[in-house]
């Protein structure tokens, strides 16, 4: 949901928007699951790739 909100109103995406989507995704997972860096969650896998 956070990724969608981050691009609200955009009709076309550019390469930088992918970074924005991933950043918002990570923030949304942290918020929803109360996850923090270093915990063994799917967030760790995604955050390590960024």
PDB file of N, CA and C in Angstrom:
ATOM      1  N   UNK A   1       0.825  -1.190   0.000  1.00  0.00           N
ATOM      2  CA  UNK A   1       0.000   0.000   0.000  1.00  0.00           C
ATOM      3  C   UNK A   1       0.870   1.254   0.000  1.00  0.00           C
ATOM      4  N   UNK A   2       1.988   1.184   0.726  1.00  0.00           N
ATOM      5  CA  UNK A   2       2.859   2.363   0.785  1.00  0.00           C
ATOM      6  C   UNK A   2       3.483   2.659  -0.576  1.00  0.00           C
ATOM      7  N   UNK A   3       3.796   1.612  -1.324  1.00  0.00           N
ATOM      8  CA  UNK A   3       4.374   1.817  -2.654  1.00  0.00           C
ATOM      9  C   UNK A   3       3.379   2.517  -3.567  1.00  0.00           C
ATOM     10  N   UNK A   4       2.124   2.124  -3.494  1.00  0.00           N
ATOM     11  CA  UNK A   4       1.093   2.777  -4.295  1.00  0.00           C
ATOM     12  C   UNK A   4       0.912   4.229  -3.914  1.00  0.00           C
ATOM     13  N   UNK A   5       0.949   4.502  -2.630  1.00  0.00           N
ATOM     14  CA  UNK A   5       0.805   5.881  -2.156  1.00  0.00           C
ATOM     15  C   UNK A   5       1.971   6.745  -2.610  1.00  0.00           C
ATOM     16  N   UNK A   6       3.163   6.160  -2.669  1.00  0.00           N
ATOM     17  CA  UNK A   6       4.355   6.915  -3.048  1.00  0.00           C
ATOM     18  C   UNK A   6       4.285   7.426  -4.485  1.00  0.00           C
ATOM     19  N   UNK A   7       3.507   6.739  -5.309  1.00  0.00           N
ATOM     20  CA  UNK A   7       3.403   7.130  -6.718  1.00  0.00           C
ATOM     21  C   UNK A   7       2.017   7.640  -7.074  1.00  0.00           C
ATOM     22  N   UNK A   8       1.285   8.052  -6.090  1.00  0.00           N
ATOM     23  CA  UNK A   8      -0.089   8.515  -6.279  1.00  0.00           C
ATOM     24  C   UNK A   8      -0.168   9.590  -7.355  1.00  0.00           C
ATOM     25  N   UNK A   9      -1.022   9.345  -8.320  1.00  0.00           N
ATOM     26  CA  UNK A   9      -1.271  10.337  -9.358  1.00  0.00           C
ATOM     27  C   UNK A   9      -0.379  10.226 -10.581  1.00  0.00           C
ATOM     28  N   UNK A  10       0.650   9.414 -10.530  1.00  0.00           N
ATOM     29  CA  UNK A  10       1.542   9.274 -11.687  1.00  0.00           C
ATOM     30  C   UNK A  10       0.872   8.421 -12.745  1.00  0.00           C
ATOM     31  N   UNK A  11       1.012   8.829 -13.970  1.00  0.00           N
ATOM     32  CA  UNK A  11       0.446   8.071 -15.080  1.00  0.00           C
ATOM     33  C   UNK A  11       1.507   7.253 -15.798  1.00  0.00           C
ATOM     34  N   UNK A  12       2.762   7.672 -15.690  1.00  0.00           N
ATOM     35  CA  UNK A  12       3.871   6.954 -16.303  1.00  0.00           C
ATOM     36  C   UNK A  12       4.996   6.836 -15.282  1.00  0.00           C
ATOM     37  N   UNK A  13       5.750   5.755 -15.393  1.00  0.00           N
ATOM     38  CA  UNK A  13       6.846   5.529 -14.457  1.00  0.00           C
ATOM     39  C   UNK A  13       8.186   5.665 -15.162  1.00  0.00           C
ATOM     40  N   UNK A  14       9.168   6.116 -14.397  1.00  0.00           N
ATOM     41  CA  UNK A  14      10.534   6.183 -14.900  1.00  0.00           C
ATOM     42  C   UNK A  14      11.397   5.264 -14.031  1.00  0.00           C
ATOM     43  N   UNK A  15      12.667   5.165 -14.342  1.00  0.00           N
ATOM     44  CA  UNK A  15      13.564   4.279 -13.598  1.00  0.00           C
ATOM     45  C   UNK A  15      13.636   4.677 -12.120  1.00  0.00           C
ATOM     46  N   UNK A  16      13.663   5.944 -11.809  1.00  0.00           N
ATOM     47  CA  UNK A  16      13.751   6.408 -10.422  1.00  0.00           C
ATOM     48  C   UNK A  16      12.515   6.000  -9.624  1.00  0.00           C
ATOM     49  N   UNK A  17      11.395   5.857 -10.298  1.00  0.00           N
ATOM     50  CA  UNK A  17      10.177   5.446  -9.617  1.00  0.00           C
ATOM     51  C   UNK A  17      10.302   4.044  -9.028  1.00  0.00           C
ATOM     52  N   UNK A  18      11.083   3.183  -9.650  1.00  0.00           N
ATOM     53  CA  UNK A  18      11.300   1.839  -9.109  1.00  0.00           C
ATOM     54  C   UNK A  18      11.998   1.924  -7.756  1.00  0.00           C
ATOM     55  N   UNK A  19      12.964   2.799  -7.645  1.00  0.00           N
ATOM     56  CA  UNK A  19      13.641   3.015  -6.363  1.00  0.00           C
ATOM     57  C   UNK A  19      12.646   3.529  -5.332  1.00  0.00           C
ATOM     58  N   UNK A  20      11.810   4.457  -5.733  1.00  0.00           N
ATOM     59  CA  UNK A  20      10.785   5.008  -4.845  1.00  0.00           C
ATOM     60  C   UNK A  20       9.834   3.909  -4.373  1.00  0.00           C
ATOM     61  N   UNK A  21       9.421   3.048  -5.295  1.00  0.00           N
ATOM     62  CA  UNK A  21       8.527   1.943  -4.951  1.00  0.00           C
ATOM     63  C   UNK A  21       9.177   1.019  -3.932  1.00  0.00           C
ATOM     64  N   UNK A  22      10.416   0.639  -4.165  1.00  0.00           N
ATOM     65  CA  UNK A  22      11.098  -0.286  -3.255  1.00  0.00           C
ATOM     66  C   UNK A  22      11.334   0.340  -1.885  1.00  0.00           C
ATOM     67  N   UNK A  23      11.703   1.604  -1.860  1.00  0.00           N
ATOM     68  CA  UNK A  23      11.878   2.301  -0.575  1.00  0.00           C
ATOM     69  C   UNK A  23      10.567   2.334   0.208  1.00  0.00           C
ATOM     70  N   UNK A  24       9.484   2.635  -0.471  1.00  0.00           N
ATOM     71  CA  UNK A  24       8.184   2.688   0.178  1.00  0.00           C
ATOM     72  C   UNK A  24       7.737   1.304   0.627  1.00  0.00           C
ATOM     73  N   UNK A  25       8.045   0.281  -0.163  1.00  0.00           N
ATOM     74  CA  UNK A  25       7.728  -1.098   0.205  1.00  0.00           C
ATOM     75  C   UNK A  25       8.420  -1.475   1.509  1.00  0.00           C
ATOM     76  N   UNK A  26       9.718  -1.199   1.583  1.00  0.00           N
ATOM     77  CA  UNK A  26      10.479  -1.522   2.800  1.00  0.00           C
ATOM     78  C   UNK A  26       9.908  -0.770   3.995  1.00  0.00           C
ATOM     79  N   UNK A  27       9.625   0.502   3.821  1.00  0.00           N
ATOM     80  CA  UNK A  27       9.058   1.292   4.915  1.00  0.00           C
ATOM     81  C   UNK A  27       7.692   0.742   5.339  1.00  0.00           C
ATOM     82  N   UNK A  28       6.888   0.315   4.375  1.00  0.00           N
ATOM     83  CA  UNK A  28       5.581  -0.236   4.686  1.00  0.00           C
ATOM     84  C   UNK A  28       5.663  -1.545   5.450  1.00  0.00           C
ATOM     85  N   UNK A  29       6.602  -2.411   5.057  1.00  0.00           N
ATOM     86  CA  UNK A  29       6.788  -3.680   5.760  1.00  0.00           C
ATOM     87  C   UNK A  29       7.268  -3.422   7.187  1.00  0.00           C
ATOM     88  N   UNK A  30       8.190  -2.487   7.345  1.00  0.00           N
ATOM     89  CA  UNK A  30       8.676  -2.154   8.688  1.00  0.00           C
ATOM     90  C   UNK A  30       7.541  -1.634   9.554  1.00  0.00           C
ATOM     91  N   UNK A  31       6.728  -0.776   8.998  1.00  0.00           N
ATOM     92  CA  UNK A  31       5.619  -0.188   9.738  1.00  0.00           C
ATOM     93  C   UNK A  31       4.584  -1.243  10.110  1.00  0.00           C
ATOM     94  N   UNK A  32       4.201  -2.036   9.153  1.00  0.00           N
ATOM     95  CA  UNK A  32       3.146  -3.036   9.362  1.00  0.00           C
ATOM     96  C   UNK A  32       3.585  -4.142  10.323  1.00  0.00           C
ATOM     97  N   UNK A  33       4.808  -4.633  10.127  1.00  0.00           N
ATOM     98  CA  UNK A  33       5.276  -5.762  10.922  1.00  0.00           C
ATOM     99  C   UNK A  33       6.133  -5.384  12.108  1.00  0.00           C
ATOM    100  N   UNK A  34       6.338  -4.080  12.268  1.00  0.00           N
ATOM    101  CA  UNK A  34       7.201  -3.580  13.331  1.00  0.00           C
ATOM    102  C   UNK A  34       8.582  -4.239  13.288  1.00  0.00           C
ATOM    103  N   UNK A  35       9.030  -4.507  12.072  1.00  0.00           N
ATOM    104  CA  UNK A  35      10.334  -5.123  11.856  1.00  0.00           C
ATOM    105  C   UNK A  35      11.434  -4.072  11.979  1.00  0.00           C
ATOM    106  N   UNK A  36      12.583  -4.525  12.392  1.00  0.00           N
ATOM    107  CA  UNK A  36      13.749  -3.652  12.478  1.00  0.00           C
ATOM    108  C   UNK A  36      14.911  -4.324  11.755  1.00  0.00           C
ATOM    109  N   UNK A  37      15.882  -3.525  11.364  1.00  0.00           N
ATOM    110  CA  UNK A  37      17.047  -4.037  10.654  1.00  0.00           C
ATOM    111  C   UNK A  37      17.720  -5.126  11.466  1.00  0.00           C
ATOM    112  N   UNK A  38      18.108  -6.197  10.778  1.00  0.00           N
ATOM    113  CA  UNK A  38      18.812  -7.291  11.429  1.00  0.00           C
ATOM    114  C   UNK A  38      17.930  -8.469  11.801  1.00  0.00           C
ATOM    115  N   UNK A  39      16.624  -8.263  11.880  1.00  0.00           N
ATOM    116  CA  UNK A  39      15.727  -9.374  12.174  1.00  0.00           C
ATOM    117  C   UNK A  39      15.615 -10.278  10.954  1.00  0.00           C
ATOM    118  N   UNK A  40      15.372 -11.545  11.190  1.00  0.00           N
ATOM    119  CA  UNK A  40      15.241 -12.494  10.087  1.00  0.00           C
ATOM    120  C   UNK A  40      13.808 -12.450   9.564  1.00  0.00           C
ATOM    121  N   UNK A  41      13.589 -11.567   8.638  1.00  0.00           N
ATOM    122  CA  UNK A  41      12.275 -11.393   8.016  1.00  0.00           C
ATOM    123  C   UNK A  41      12.481 -11.247   6.513  1.00  0.00           C
ATOM    124  N   UNK A  42      11.390 -11.224   5.771  1.00  0.00           N
ATOM    125  CA  UNK A  42      11.516 -10.982   4.335  1.00  0.00           C
ATOM    126  C   UNK A  42      12.092  -9.592   4.084  1.00  0.00           C
ATOM    127  N   UNK A  43      11.925  -8.720   5.045  1.00  0.00           N
ATOM    128  CA  UNK A  43      12.465  -7.370   4.935  1.00  0.00           C
ATOM    129  C   UNK A  43      13.988  -7.400   4.822  1.00  0.00           C
ATOM    130  N   UNK A  44      14.618  -8.284   5.572  1.00  0.00           N
ATOM    131  CA  UNK A  44      16.079  -8.392   5.533  1.00  0.00           C
ATOM    132  C   UNK A  44      16.547  -8.733   4.127  1.00  0.00           C
ATOM    133  N   UNK A  45      15.872  -9.660   3.486  1.00  0.00           N
ATOM    134  CA  UNK A  45      16.250 -10.072   2.145  1.00  0.00           C
ATOM    135  C   UNK A  45      16.125  -8.917   1.155  1.00  0.00           C
ATOM    136  N   UNK A  46      15.019  -8.196   1.233  1.00  0.00           N
ATOM    137  CA  UNK A  46      14.793  -7.076   0.320  1.00  0.00           C
ATOM    138  C   UNK A  46      15.777  -5.947   0.601  1.00  0.00           C
ATOM    139  N   UNK A  47      15.956  -5.603   1.867  1.00  0.00           N
ATOM    140  CA  UNK A  47      16.832  -4.491   2.235  1.00  0.00           C
ATOM    141  C   UNK A  47      18.288  -4.762   1.846  1.00  0.00           C
ATOM    142  N   UNK A  48      18.704  -6.010   1.923  1.00  0.00           N
ATOM    143  CA  UNK A  48      20.084  -6.343   1.550  1.00  0.00           C
ATOM    144  C   UNK A  48      20.353  -6.161   0.061  1.00  0.00           C
ATOM    145  N   UNK A  49      19.307  -6.290  -0.737  1.00  0.00           N
ATOM    146  CA  UNK A  49      19.451  -6.167  -2.196  1.00  0.00           C
ATOM    147  C   UNK A  49      19.481  -4.712  -2.638  1.00  0.00           C
ATOM    148  N   UNK A  50      19.101  -3.804  -1.770  1.00  0.00           N
ATOM    149  CA  UNK A  50      19.008  -2.398  -2.147  1.00  0.00           C
ATOM    150  C   UNK A  50      20.275  -1.656  -1.866  1.00  0.00           C
TER     151      UNK A  50
END
